[in-house]
Amino acid sequence: MKYFPFSLEQLRIIQAINNEATIKQAAKKLYLSQPALSLQIQKLEYEIDSPILDRRKKQIYFTFTGELILDYADRILRLCEEADKAVVYLKKLKRISLTIGSNEIVGTYILPKIINLFCRRYSYTHVKLEIDSTNCIAWNIVNGKVDIGIVEEEKIPKELYNSLYSTPYFQEEIVLILPKSHELKDTYSISKKNLYKLDFITLKPDFVGRKSMDDVLKKFNIESDRLQIKLELNSIEAIKRGVQAGLGVSFVSILMVKDELYSKHLNSVIIDNRIISKRLTLVINVKSNESQLSGKFYKYCFALLKTRLYIKFLNLDY
């Protein structure tokens, strides 16, 4: 590290002498004794090997070197003041801002309602919602870019297990949706044998949601490569419309079709009398949690689950 022949204290002394015009007044302004202030000037002059002040007939003048250092002292101390204000602002912002991360489904169908309720209770809160994959959200929490996340537990990178504190939040159910006119519309459960005979609509292979769904189905011993895929689309909304039009069936999160199932525009079945689901978990950084609001939001999420009214409001039951 490069050595500098002056300190911030010495620069403040130079600035004070210029503002107060006398050594006595400068010392008083800085709550220093005159000998202590003079000693600092002598040390600086010794370090730079050049006089800073010219004393003539009880008047103090800056030498050419002194004027140069004074000019830089003003600039450096101004930057120090700006840095101090920026740090104070950042601390204040951290107290009132909250960045939440989640996947697209939770970020679209669950979190907006929770955030709305939370902001009503803490009206001074500024919330930012980041929609991304579990992998990205987990890394962003570790790196301090996201305060708290609701993510798929099994998708959290193993190398981050010791850096994150996670608590199971709720089970996201996956259902097979059918057109309302489908021959199986009144069936509660179908076998895997019959499942593989149905025409399917899915997301395109390069979509993250497609791989995520395939992983969930694999966990429940459903082989995605045996599904008769007739149509691949680029959004869940398009899939829902395709199923409603009778073009096929599809596996989707129940959170995305609650309204359609309730209004009977779609029907759903389970497979082999088993409910397919994936566990979502609340995640925070175990080492660094600067946002005071993240702790409140963490507790608030669980408080909502204890209230039956809010469970219905959040569409977590059916």
C-alpha atoms as a PDB file:
ATOM      1  CA  MET A   1       0.000   0.000   0.000  1.00  0.00           C
ATOM      2  CA  LYS A   2       1.343   3.406  -0.983  1.00  0.00           C
ATOM      3  CA  TYR A   3       2.459   5.652   1.907  1.00  0.00           C
ATOM      4  CA  PHE A   4       1.055   9.203   1.988  1.00  0.00           C
ATOM      5  CA  PRO A   5       2.963  11.931   3.871  1.00  0.00           C
ATOM      6  CA  PHE A   6      -0.206  13.462   5.297  1.00  0.00           C
ATOM      7  CA  SER A   7      -3.243  12.346   7.302  1.00  0.00           C
ATOM      8  CA  LEU A   8      -6.890  13.408   7.223  1.00  0.00           C
ATOM      9  CA  GLU A   9      -6.356  15.123  10.556  1.00  0.00           C
ATOM     10  CA  GLN A  10      -3.562  17.228   9.083  1.00  0.00           C
ATOM     11  CA  LEU A  11      -5.719  18.117   6.080  1.00  0.00           C
ATOM     12  CA  ARG A  12      -8.493  19.244   8.432  1.00  0.00           C
ATOM     13  CA  ILE A  13      -5.942  21.430  10.260  1.00  0.00           C
ATOM     14  CA  ILE A  14      -4.825  23.032   6.968  1.00  0.00           C
ATOM     15  CA  GLN A  15      -8.443  23.704   6.056  1.00  0.00           C
ATOM     16  CA  ALA A  16      -9.239  25.143   9.509  1.00  0.00           C
ATOM     17  CA  ILE A  17      -6.254  27.504   9.397  1.00  0.00           C
ATOM     18  CA  ASN A  18      -7.442  28.824   6.050  1.00  0.00           C
ATOM     19  CA  ASN A  19     -11.017  29.278   7.316  1.00  0.00           C
ATOM     20  CA  GLU A  20     -10.150  30.790  10.717  1.00  0.00           C
ATOM     21  CA  ALA A  21      -7.101  32.843   9.635  1.00  0.00           C
ATOM     22  CA  THR A  22      -5.151  32.239  12.890  1.00  0.00           C
ATOM     23  CA  ILE A  23      -3.535  29.265  14.588  1.00  0.00           C
ATOM     24  CA  LYS A  24      -5.357  30.081  17.823  1.00  0.00           C
ATOM     25  CA  GLN A  25      -8.809  30.127  16.222  1.00  0.00           C
ATOM     26  CA  ALA A  26      -8.085  27.021  14.172  1.00  0.00           C
ATOM     27  CA  ALA A  27      -7.022  25.118  17.294  1.00  0.00           C
ATOM     28  CA  LYS A  28     -10.154  26.248  19.104  1.00  0.00           C
ATOM     29  CA  LYS A  29     -12.337  25.174  16.182  1.00  0.00           C
ATOM     30  CA  LEU A  30     -10.790  21.690  16.185  1.00  0.00           C
ATOM     31  CA  TYR A  31     -10.722  21.367  20.005  1.00  0.00           C
ATOM     32  CA  LEU A  32      -6.928  21.124  19.979  1.00  0.00           C
ATOM     33  CA  SER A  33      -4.292  22.977  21.923  1.00  0.00           C
ATOM     34  CA  GLN A  34      -2.108  25.389  19.935  1.00  0.00           C
ATOM     35  CA  PRO A  35       1.074  23.350  20.599  1.00  0.00           C
ATOM     36  CA  ALA A  36      -0.664  20.159  19.383  1.00  0.00           C
ATOM     37  CA  LEU A  37      -1.839  21.877  16.199  1.00  0.00           C
ATOM     38  CA  SER A  38       1.592  23.423  15.556  1.00  0.00           C
ATOM     39  CA  LEU A  39       3.213  20.020  16.056  1.00  0.00           C
ATOM     40  CA  GLN A  40       1.024  18.513  13.344  1.00  0.00           C
ATOM     41  CA  ILE A  41       2.003  21.296  10.930  1.00  0.00           C
ATOM     42  CA  GLN A  42       5.702  20.723  11.714  1.00  0.00           C
ATOM     43  CA  LYS A  43       5.330  16.974  11.103  1.00  0.00           C
ATOM     44  CA  LEU A  44       3.650  17.597   7.740  1.00  0.00           C
ATOM     45  CA  GLU A  45       6.329  20.081   6.682  1.00  0.00           C
ATOM     46  CA  TYR A  46       8.991  17.565   7.667  1.00  0.00           C
ATOM     47  CA  GLU A  47       7.315  14.737   5.692  1.00  0.00           C
ATOM     48  CA  ILE A  48       6.983  16.757   2.486  1.00  0.00           C
ATOM     49  CA  ASP A  49      10.281  18.573   3.041  1.00  0.00           C
ATOM     50  CA  SER A  50       8.756  21.948   2.304  1.00  0.00           C
ATOM     51  CA  PRO A  51       7.244  24.793   4.350  1.00  0.00           C
ATOM     52  CA  ILE A  52       3.460  25.170   4.283  1.00  0.00           C
ATOM     53  CA  LEU A  53       2.951  28.379   6.241  1.00  0.00           C
ATOM     54  CA  ASP A  54       4.722  31.709   6.052  1.00  0.00           C
ATOM     55  CA  ARG A  55       4.459  33.726   9.270  1.00  0.00           C
ATOM     56  CA  ARG A  56       5.011  37.451   8.873  1.00  0.00           C
ATOM     57  CA  LYS A  57       4.179  40.115  11.445  1.00  0.00           C
ATOM     58  CA  LYS A  58       1.620  37.928  13.237  1.00  0.00           C
ATOM     59  CA  GLN A  59      -0.029  37.163   9.892  1.00  0.00           C
ATOM     60  CA  ILE A  60      -0.148  33.677   8.400  1.00  0.00           C
ATOM     61  CA  TYR A  61       0.127  33.053   4.686  1.00  0.00           C
ATOM     62  CA  PHE A  62       0.190  29.821   2.760  1.00  0.00           C
ATOM     63  CA  THR A  63       3.247  29.109   0.697  1.00  0.00           C
ATOM     64  CA  PHE A  64       2.867  27.832  -2.876  1.00  0.00           C
ATOM     65  CA  THR A  65       3.127  24.282  -1.497  1.00  0.00           C
ATOM     66  CA  GLY A  66       0.619  25.143   1.221  1.00  0.00           C
ATOM     67  CA  GLU A  67      -1.879  26.490  -1.343  1.00  0.00           C
ATOM     68  CA  LEU A  68      -1.507  23.282  -3.367  1.00  0.00           C
ATOM     69  CA  ILE A  69      -2.132  21.069  -0.325  1.00  0.00           C
ATOM     70  CA  LEU A  70      -5.058  23.288   0.733  1.00  0.00           C
ATOM     71  CA  ASP A  71      -6.698  22.836  -2.669  1.00  0.00           C
ATOM     72  CA  TYR A  72      -6.412  19.053  -2.448  1.00  0.00           C
ATOM     73  CA  ALA A  73      -7.435  19.080   1.221  1.00  0.00           C
ATOM     74  CA  ASP A  74     -10.717  20.766   0.289  1.00  0.00           C
ATOM     75  CA  ARG A  75     -11.387  18.171  -2.405  1.00  0.00           C
ATOM     76  CA  ILE A  76     -10.396  15.169  -0.293  1.00  0.00           C
ATOM     77  CA  LEU A  77     -12.423  16.257   2.737  1.00  0.00           C
ATOM     78  CA  ARG A  78     -15.430  16.988   0.506  1.00  0.00           C
ATOM     79  CA  LEU A  79     -15.229  13.434  -0.819  1.00  0.00           C
ATOM     80  CA  CYS A  80     -14.934  12.100   2.743  1.00  0.00           C
ATOM     81  CA  GLU A  81     -18.086  13.990   3.684  1.00  0.00           C
ATOM     82  CA  GLU A  82     -19.913  12.587   0.633  1.00  0.00           C
ATOM     83  CA  ALA A  83     -18.774   9.066   1.505  1.00  0.00           C
ATOM     84  CA  ASP A  84     -20.013   9.492   5.080  1.00  0.00           C
ATOM     85  CA  LYS A  85     -23.420  10.702   3.871  1.00  0.00           C
ATOM     86  CA  ALA A  86     -23.611   7.808   1.415  1.00  0.00           C
ATOM     87  CA  VAL A  87     -22.955   5.269   4.178  1.00  0.00           C
ATOM     88  CA  VAL A  88     -25.620   6.851   6.401  1.00  0.00           C
ATOM     89  CA  TYR A  89     -28.077   6.802   3.488  1.00  0.00           C
ATOM     90  CA  LEU A  90     -27.261   3.167   2.745  1.00  0.00           C
ATOM     91  CA  LYS A  91     -27.893   2.184   6.374  1.00  0.00           C
ATOM     92  CA  LYS A  92     -31.191   4.056   6.327  1.00  0.00           C
ATOM     93  CA  LEU A  93     -32.152   2.415   3.024  1.00  0.00           C
ATOM     94  CA  LYS A  94     -31.333  -1.020   4.431  1.00  0.00           C
ATOM     95  CA  ARG A  95     -33.749  -0.370   7.278  1.00  0.00           C
ATOM     96  CA  ILE A  96     -36.658   0.418   4.969  1.00  0.00           C
ATOM     97  CA  SER A  97     -35.955  -1.681   1.858  1.00  0.00           C
ATOM     98  CA  LEU A  98     -36.402  -5.390   1.326  1.00  0.00           C
ATOM     99  CA  THR A  99     -35.445  -7.502  -1.683  1.00  0.00           C
ATOM    100  CA  ILE A 100     -37.312 -10.801  -1.980  1.00  0.00           C
ATOM    101  CA  GLY A 101     -36.483 -13.550  -4.440  1.00  0.00           C
ATOM    102  CA  SER A 102     -38.658 -16.366  -5.752  1.00  0.00           C
ATOM    103  CA  ASN A 103     -39.464 -18.443  -8.797  1.00  0.00           C
ATOM    104  CA  GLU A 104     -42.029 -17.283 -11.345  1.00  0.00           C
ATOM    105  CA  ILE A 105     -44.979 -19.203  -9.925  1.00  0.00           C
ATOM    106  CA  VAL A 106     -44.610 -18.082  -6.305  1.00  0.00           C
ATOM    107  CA  GLY A 107     -43.601 -14.596  -7.443  1.00  0.00           C
ATOM    108  CA  THR A 108     -46.750 -14.316  -9.538  1.00  0.00           C
ATOM    109  CA  TYR A 109     -49.430 -16.072  -7.480  1.00  0.00           C
ATOM    110  CA  ILE A 110     -48.357 -15.969  -3.817  1.00  0.00           C
ATOM    111  CA  LEU A 111     -45.817 -13.257  -2.997  1.00  0.00           C
ATOM    112  CA  PRO A 112     -47.744 -10.238  -4.328  1.00  0.00           C
ATOM    113  CA  LYS A 113     -50.516 -10.988  -1.824  1.00  0.00           C
ATOM    114  CA  ILE A 114     -48.068 -11.501   1.053  1.00  0.00           C
ATOM    115  CA  ILE A 115     -46.163  -8.341   0.119  1.00  0.00           C
ATOM    116  CA  ASN A 116     -49.416  -6.373  -0.042  1.00  0.00           C
ATOM    117  CA  LEU A 117     -50.395  -7.469   3.463  1.00  0.00           C
ATOM    118  CA  PHE A 118     -46.861  -6.861   4.780  1.00  0.00           C
ATOM    119  CA  CYS A 119     -46.685  -3.344   3.315  1.00  0.00           C
ATOM    120  CA  ARG A 120     -50.065  -2.481   4.836  1.00  0.00           C
ATOM    121  CA  ARG A 121     -48.645  -3.351   8.228  1.00  0.00           C
ATOM    122  CA  TYR A 122     -45.257  -1.707   7.621  1.00  0.00           C
ATOM    123  CA  SER A 123     -46.244   1.227   5.421  1.00  0.00           C
ATOM    124  CA  TYR A 124     -42.712   2.683   5.290  1.00  0.00           C
ATOM    125  CA  THR A 125     -41.408  -0.426   3.531  1.00  0.00           C
ATOM    126  CA  HIS A 126     -39.995  -0.442   0.011  1.00  0.00           C
ATOM    127  CA  VAL A 127     -40.080  -3.974  -1.423  1.00  0.00           C
ATOM    128  CA  LYS A 128     -38.360  -5.242  -4.551  1.00  0.00           C
ATOM    129  CA  LEU A 129     -39.311  -8.652  -5.950  1.00  0.00           C
ATOM    130  CA  GLU A 130     -36.708 -10.594  -7.943  1.00  0.00           C
ATOM    131  CA  ILE A 131     -37.989 -13.443 -10.138  1.00  0.00           C
ATOM    132  CA  ASP A 132     -35.320 -16.013 -10.966  1.00  0.00           C
ATOM    133  CA  SER A 133     -34.282 -19.652 -10.608  1.00  0.00           C
ATOM    134  CA  THR A 134     -33.627 -21.145  -7.167  1.00  0.00           C
ATOM    135  CA  ASN A 135     -29.934 -21.419  -8.021  1.00  0.00           C
ATOM    136  CA  CYS A 136     -29.617 -17.696  -8.847  1.00  0.00           C
ATOM    137  CA  ILE A 137     -31.685 -16.583  -5.860  1.00  0.00           C
ATOM    138  CA  ALA A 138     -29.623 -18.707  -3.457  1.00  0.00           C
ATOM    139  CA  TRP A 139     -26.370 -17.220  -4.750  1.00  0.00           C
ATOM    140  CA  ASN A 140     -27.806 -13.692  -4.631  1.00  0.00           C
ATOM    141  CA  ILE A 141     -28.780 -14.199  -0.980  1.00  0.00           C
ATOM    142  CA  VAL A 142     -25.255 -15.352  -0.144  1.00  0.00           C
ATOM    143  CA  ASN A 143     -23.801 -12.372  -2.029  1.00  0.00           C
ATOM    144  CA  GLY A 144     -26.118  -9.896  -0.282  1.00  0.00           C
ATOM    145  CA  LYS A 145     -28.119  -8.919  -3.367  1.00  0.00           C
ATOM    146  CA  VAL A 146     -31.334 -10.518  -2.065  1.00  0.00           C
ATOM    147  CA  ASP A 147     -32.482 -10.415   1.577  1.00  0.00           C
ATOM    148  CA  ILE A 148     -34.820 -13.389   1.681  1.00  0.00           C
ATOM    149  CA  GLY A 149     -36.151 -15.958  -0.764  1.00  0.00           C
ATOM    150  CA  ILE A 150     -38.907 -18.519  -1.213  1.00  0.00           C
ATOM    151  CA  VAL A 151     -37.358 -21.286  -3.295  1.00  0.00           C
ATOM    152  CA  GLU A 152     -37.500 -24.992  -4.115  1.00  0.00           C
ATOM    153  CA  GLU A 153     -35.663 -26.743  -1.328  1.00  0.00           C
ATOM    154  CA  GLU A 154     -34.143 -29.460  -3.498  1.00  0.00           C
ATOM    155  CA  LYS A 155     -32.759 -26.939  -6.003  1.00  0.00           C
ATOM    156  CA  ILE A 156     -30.562 -25.088  -3.501  1.00  0.00           C
ATOM    157  CA  PRO A 157     -26.892 -25.666  -4.485  1.00  0.00           C
ATOM    158  CA  LYS A 158     -25.243 -28.071  -2.053  1.00  0.00           C
ATOM    159  CA  GLU A 159     -22.183 -25.856  -1.708  1.00  0.00           C
ATOM    160  CA  LEU A 160     -24.421 -23.153  -0.163  1.00  0.00           C
ATOM    161  CA  TYR A 161     -26.013 -25.322   2.534  1.00  0.00           C
ATOM    162  CA  ASN A 162     -23.705 -23.953   5.245  1.00  0.00           C
ATOM    163  CA  SER A 163     -24.245 -20.350   4.132  1.00  0.00           C
ATOM    164  CA  LEU A 164     -28.037 -20.368   4.142  1.00  0.00           C
ATOM    165  CA  TYR A 165     -30.642 -20.880   6.816  1.00  0.00           C
ATOM    166  CA  SER A 166     -33.764 -22.475   5.370  1.00  0.00           C
ATOM    167  CA  THR A 167     -37.122 -23.334   6.887  1.00  0.00           C
ATOM    168  CA  PRO A 168     -39.799 -25.383   5.065  1.00  0.00           C
ATOM    169  CA  TYR A 169     -42.706 -23.098   4.178  1.00  0.00           C
ATOM    170  CA  PHE A 170     -45.385 -24.987   2.232  1.00  0.00           C
ATOM    171  CA  GLN A 171     -45.920 -27.780  -0.294  1.00  0.00           C
ATOM    172  CA  GLU A 172     -46.647 -26.658  -3.835  1.00  0.00           C
ATOM    173  CA  GLU A 173     -49.004 -29.244  -5.340  1.00  0.00           C
ATOM    174  CA  ILE A 174     -48.662 -30.316  -8.981  1.00  0.00           C
ATOM    175  CA  VAL A 175     -51.840 -31.451 -10.745  1.00  0.00           C
ATOM    176  CA  LEU A 176     -52.709 -32.895 -14.119  1.00  0.00           C
ATOM    177  CA  ILE A 177     -55.200 -30.526 -15.719  1.00  0.00           C
ATOM    178  CA  LEU A 178     -57.801 -31.721 -18.239  1.00  0.00           C
ATOM    179  CA  PRO A 179     -60.323 -29.985 -20.516  1.00  0.00           C
ATOM    180  CA  LYS A 180     -63.759 -29.725 -18.888  1.00  0.00           C
ATOM    181  CA  SER A 181     -65.147 -32.020 -21.574  1.00  0.00           C
ATOM    182  CA  HIS A 182     -62.454 -34.712 -21.174  1.00  0.00           C
ATOM    183  CA  GLU A 183     -63.623 -38.284 -20.677  1.00  0.00           C
ATOM    184  CA  LEU A 184     -61.662 -38.419 -17.392  1.00  0.00           C
ATOM    185  CA  LYS A 185     -63.125 -35.164 -16.037  1.00  0.00           C
ATOM    186  CA  ASP A 186     -65.048 -36.930 -13.247  1.00  0.00           C
ATOM    187  CA  THR A 187     -62.123 -39.169 -12.280  1.00  0.00           C
ATOM    188  CA  TYR A 188     -60.203 -38.477  -9.073  1.00  0.00           C
ATOM    189  CA  SER A 189     -57.117 -40.527  -9.877  1.00  0.00           C
ATOM    190  CA  ILE A 190     -55.667 -42.284 -12.917  1.00  0.00           C
ATOM    191  CA  SER A 191     -52.921 -44.881 -13.261  1.00  0.00           C
ATOM    192  CA  LYS A 192     -49.541 -44.222 -14.817  1.00  0.00           C
ATOM    193  CA  LYS A 193     -50.445 -46.733 -17.511  1.00  0.00           C
ATOM    194  CA  ASN A 194     -53.343 -44.531 -18.604  1.00  0.00           C
ATOM    195  CA  LEU A 195     -51.269 -41.390 -18.092  1.00  0.00           C
ATOM    196  CA  TYR A 196     -48.837 -42.403 -20.815  1.00  0.00           C
ATOM    197  CA  LYS A 197     -51.742 -42.743 -23.294  1.00  0.00           C
ATOM    198  CA  LEU A 198     -52.804 -39.089 -22.993  1.00  0.00           C
ATOM    199  CA  ASP A 199     -51.822 -36.255 -25.355  1.00  0.00           C
ATOM    200  CA  PHE A 200     -49.659 -33.709 -23.512  1.00  0.00           C
ATOM    201  CA  ILE A 201     -48.982 -29.993 -23.809  1.00  0.00           C
ATOM    202  CA  THR A 202     -45.718 -28.820 -22.233  1.00  0.00           C
ATOM    203  CA  LEU A 203     -43.281 -25.951 -22.172  1.00  0.00           C
ATOM    204  CA  LYS A 204     -40.523 -25.999 -24.766  1.00  0.00           C
ATOM    205  CA  PRO A 205     -37.473 -28.142 -23.796  1.00  0.00           C
ATOM    206  CA  ASP A 206     -35.133 -25.158 -23.298  1.00  0.00           C
ATOM    207  CA  PHE A 207     -37.385 -23.500 -20.702  1.00  0.00           C
ATOM    208  CA  VAL A 208     -36.293 -23.697 -17.053  1.00  0.00           C
ATOM    209  CA  GLY A 209     -39.850 -24.531 -15.995  1.00  0.00           C
ATOM    210  CA  ARG A 210     -39.842 -27.606 -18.231  1.00  0.00           C
ATOM    211  CA  LYS A 211     -36.767 -29.104 -16.570  1.00  0.00           C
ATOM    212  CA  SER A 212     -38.066 -28.206 -13.119  1.00  0.00           C
ATOM    213  CA  MET A 213     -41.347 -29.998 -13.803  1.00  0.00           C
ATOM    214  CA  ASP A 214     -39.529 -33.044 -15.253  1.00  0.00           C
ATOM    215  CA  ASP A 215     -37.429 -33.240 -12.058  1.00  0.00           C
ATOM    216  CA  VAL A 216     -40.528 -33.185  -9.856  1.00  0.00           C
ATOM    217  CA  LEU A 217     -42.246 -35.873 -11.913  1.00  0.00           C
ATOM    218  CA  LYS A 218     -39.112 -38.035 -11.822  1.00  0.00           C
ATOM    219  CA  LYS A 219     -39.177 -37.883  -8.037  1.00  0.00           C
ATOM    220  CA  PHE A 220     -42.637 -39.456  -8.180  1.00  0.00           C
ATOM    221  CA  ASN A 221     -41.528 -42.107 -10.679  1.00  0.00           C
ATOM    222  CA  ILE A 222     -43.229 -40.533 -13.676  1.00  0.00           C
ATOM    223  CA  GLU A 223     -41.057 -40.826 -16.778  1.00  0.00           C
ATOM    224  CA  SER A 224     -41.296 -37.592 -18.757  1.00  0.00           C
ATOM    225  CA  ASP A 225     -39.803 -39.175 -21.867  1.00  0.00           C
ATOM    226  CA  ARG A 226     -42.771 -41.584 -21.998  1.00  0.00           C
ATOM    227  CA  LEU A 227     -45.345 -38.801 -22.112  1.00  0.00           C
ATOM    228  CA  GLN A 228     -46.963 -38.353 -25.535  1.00  0.00           C
ATOM    229  CA  ILE A 229     -46.103 -34.700 -26.103  1.00  0.00           C
ATOM    230  CA  LYS A 230     -48.216 -33.287 -28.923  1.00  0.00           C
ATOM    231  CA  LEU A 231     -47.665 -29.568 -28.395  1.00  0.00           C
ATOM    232  CA  GLU A 232     -44.857 -27.444 -26.909  1.00  0.00           C
ATOM    233  CA  LEU A 233     -45.565 -23.834 -25.982  1.00  0.00           C
ATOM    234  CA  ASN A 234     -43.625 -20.914 -24.509  1.00  0.00           C
ATOM    235  CA  SER A 235     -45.756 -20.033 -21.460  1.00  0.00           C
ATOM    236  CA  ILE A 236     -47.958 -21.593 -18.810  1.00  0.00           C
ATOM    237  CA  GLU A 237     -50.780 -19.253 -19.774  1.00  0.00           C
ATOM    238  CA  ALA A 238     -50.626 -20.611 -23.324  1.00  0.00           C
ATOM    239  CA  ILE A 239     -50.681 -24.160 -21.938  1.00  0.00           C
ATOM    240  CA  LYS A 240     -53.789 -23.403 -19.871  1.00  0.00           C
ATOM    241  CA  ARG A 241     -55.561 -22.032 -22.934  1.00  0.00           C
ATOM    242  CA  GLY A 242     -54.440 -25.046 -24.975  1.00  0.00           C
ATOM    243  CA  VAL A 243     -55.891 -27.440 -22.403  1.00  0.00           C
ATOM    244  CA  GLN A 244     -59.133 -25.438 -22.221  1.00  0.00           C
ATOM    245  CA  ALA A 245     -59.362 -25.725 -26.015  1.00  0.00           C
ATOM    246  CA  GLY A 246     -59.121 -29.507 -25.760  1.00  0.00           C
ATOM    247  CA  LEU A 247     -55.663 -29.815 -27.361  1.00  0.00           C
ATOM    248  CA  GLY A 248     -54.289 -32.006 -24.585  1.00  0.00           C
ATOM    249  CA  VAL A 249     -53.516 -32.286 -20.860  1.00  0.00           C
ATOM    250  CA  SER A 250     -50.660 -30.890 -18.809  1.00  0.00           C
ATOM    251  CA  PHE A 251     -48.922 -30.977 -15.446  1.00  0.00           C
ATOM    252  CA  VAL A 252     -48.944 -27.544 -13.767  1.00  0.00           C
ATOM    253  CA  SER A 253     -48.715 -26.034 -10.307  1.00  0.00           C
ATOM    254  CA  ILE A 254     -52.131 -25.893  -8.671  1.00  0.00           C
ATOM    255  CA  LEU A 255     -51.366 -22.283  -7.724  1.00  0.00           C
ATOM    256  CA  MET A 256     -51.661 -21.339 -11.385  1.00  0.00           C
ATOM    257  CA  VAL A 257     -55.062 -22.905 -12.030  1.00  0.00           C
ATOM    258  CA  LYS A 258     -57.004 -22.337  -8.799  1.00  0.00           C
ATOM    259  CA  ASP A 259     -59.473 -19.959 -10.447  1.00  0.00           C
ATOM    260  CA  GLU A 260     -60.012 -22.217 -13.463  1.00  0.00           C
ATOM    261  CA  LEU A 261     -60.548 -25.291 -11.278  1.00  0.00           C
ATOM    262  CA  TYR A 262     -62.951 -23.424  -9.012  1.00  0.00           C
ATOM    263  CA  SER A 263     -64.976 -22.119 -11.982  1.00  0.00           C
ATOM    264  CA  LYS A 264     -64.908 -25.588 -13.631  1.00  0.00           C
ATOM    265  CA  HIS A 265     -63.218 -24.289 -16.771  1.00  0.00           C
ATOM    266  CA  LEU A 266     -60.613 -26.983 -16.117  1.00  0.00           C
ATOM    267  CA  ASN A 267     -60.588 -30.289 -14.280  1.00  0.00           C
ATOM    268  CA  SER A 268     -57.717 -32.022 -12.501  1.00  0.00           C
ATOM    269  CA  VAL A 269     -56.718 -35.535 -11.470  1.00  0.00           C
ATOM    270  CA  ILE A 270     -53.940 -37.059  -9.411  1.00  0.00           C
ATOM    271  CA  ILE A 271     -51.788 -40.046 -10.369  1.00  0.00           C
ATOM    272  CA  ASP A 272     -51.999 -43.432  -8.616  1.00  0.00           C
ATOM    273  CA  ASN A 273     -53.792 -41.809  -5.664  1.00  0.00           C
ATOM    274  CA  ARG A 274     -50.657 -39.834  -4.824  1.00  0.00           C
ATOM    275  CA  ILE A 275     -50.422 -36.082  -4.556  1.00  0.00           C
ATOM    276  CA  ILE A 276     -47.416 -34.756  -6.476  1.00  0.00           C
ATOM    277  CA  SER A 277     -45.761 -31.805  -4.784  1.00  0.00           C
ATOM    278  CA  LYS A 278     -42.516 -29.969  -4.184  1.00  0.00           C
ATOM    279  CA  ARG A 279     -41.474 -28.299  -0.961  1.00  0.00           C
ATOM    280  CA  LEU A 280     -40.833 -24.573  -0.938  1.00  0.00           C
ATOM    281  CA  THR A 281     -38.654 -23.099   1.756  1.00  0.00           C
ATOM    282  CA  LEU A 282     -37.881 -19.669   3.180  1.00  0.00           C
ATOM    283  CA  VAL A 283     -34.172 -18.888   2.891  1.00  0.00           C
ATOM    284  CA  ILE A 284     -31.964 -16.211   4.461  1.00  0.00           C
ATOM    285  CA  ASN A 285     -28.216 -15.706   4.815  1.00  0.00           C
ATOM    286  CA  VAL A 286     -26.913 -17.169   8.099  1.00  0.00           C
ATOM    287  CA  LYS A 287     -23.866 -14.888   8.300  1.00  0.00           C
ATOM    288  CA  SER A 288     -25.000 -11.498   7.090  1.00  0.00           C
ATOM    289  CA  ASN A 289     -28.515 -10.177   7.397  1.00  0.00           C
ATOM    290  CA  GLU A 290     -28.275  -6.377   7.185  1.00  0.00           C
ATOM    291  CA  SER A 291     -31.896  -5.694   6.379  1.00  0.00           C
ATOM    292  CA  GLN A 292     -33.895  -5.298   9.571  1.00  0.00           C
ATOM    293  CA  LEU A 293     -37.076  -5.914   7.612  1.00  0.00           C
ATOM    294  CA  SER A 294     -36.088  -9.380   6.425  1.00  0.00           C
ATOM    295  CA  GLY A 295     -36.485 -10.762   9.948  1.00  0.00           C
ATOM    296  CA  LYS A 296     -39.945  -9.182  10.205  1.00  0.00           C
ATOM    297  CA  PHE A 297     -40.949 -10.525   6.798  1.00  0.00           C
ATOM    298  CA  TYR A 298     -39.651 -13.989   7.719  1.00  0.00           C
ATOM    299  CA  LYS A 299     -41.811 -14.087  10.861  1.00  0.00           C
ATOM    300  CA  TYR A 300     -44.786 -12.531   9.063  1.00  0.00           C
ATOM    301  CA  CYS A 301     -44.839 -15.272   6.411  1.00  0.00           C
ATOM    302  CA  PHE A 302     -45.192 -17.945   9.068  1.00  0.00           C
ATOM    303  CA  ALA A 303     -47.724 -15.921  11.044  1.00  0.00           C
ATOM    304  CA  LEU A 304     -49.956 -15.882   7.948  1.00  0.00           C
ATOM    305  CA  LEU A 305     -49.890 -19.672   7.689  1.00  0.00           C
ATOM    306  CA  LYS A 306     -51.283 -19.936  11.204  1.00  0.00           C
ATOM    307  CA  THR A 307     -54.407 -18.048  10.176  1.00  0.00           C
ATOM    308  CA  ARG A 308     -56.961 -20.037   8.201  1.00  0.00           C
ATOM    309  CA  LEU A 309     -58.416 -16.898   6.639  1.00  0.00           C
ATOM    310  CA  TYR A 310     -55.069 -15.958   5.145  1.00  0.00           C
ATOM    311  CA  ILE A 311     -54.442 -19.489   3.884  1.00  0.00           C
ATOM    312  CA  LYS A 312     -57.611 -19.177   1.828  1.00  0.00           C
ATOM    313  CA  PHE A 313     -56.661 -15.651   0.768  1.00  0.00           C
ATOM    314  CA  LEU A 314     -53.253 -16.859  -0.441  1.00  0.00           C
ATOM    315  CA  ASN A 315     -54.843 -19.773  -2.314  1.00  0.00           C
ATOM    316  CA  LEU A 316     -52.788 -22.351  -0.400  1.00  0.00           C
ATOM    317  CA  ASP A 317     -55.703 -24.707  -0.007  1.00  0.00           C
ATOM    318  CA  TYR A 318     -58.282 -26.069  -2.409  1.00  0.00           C
END
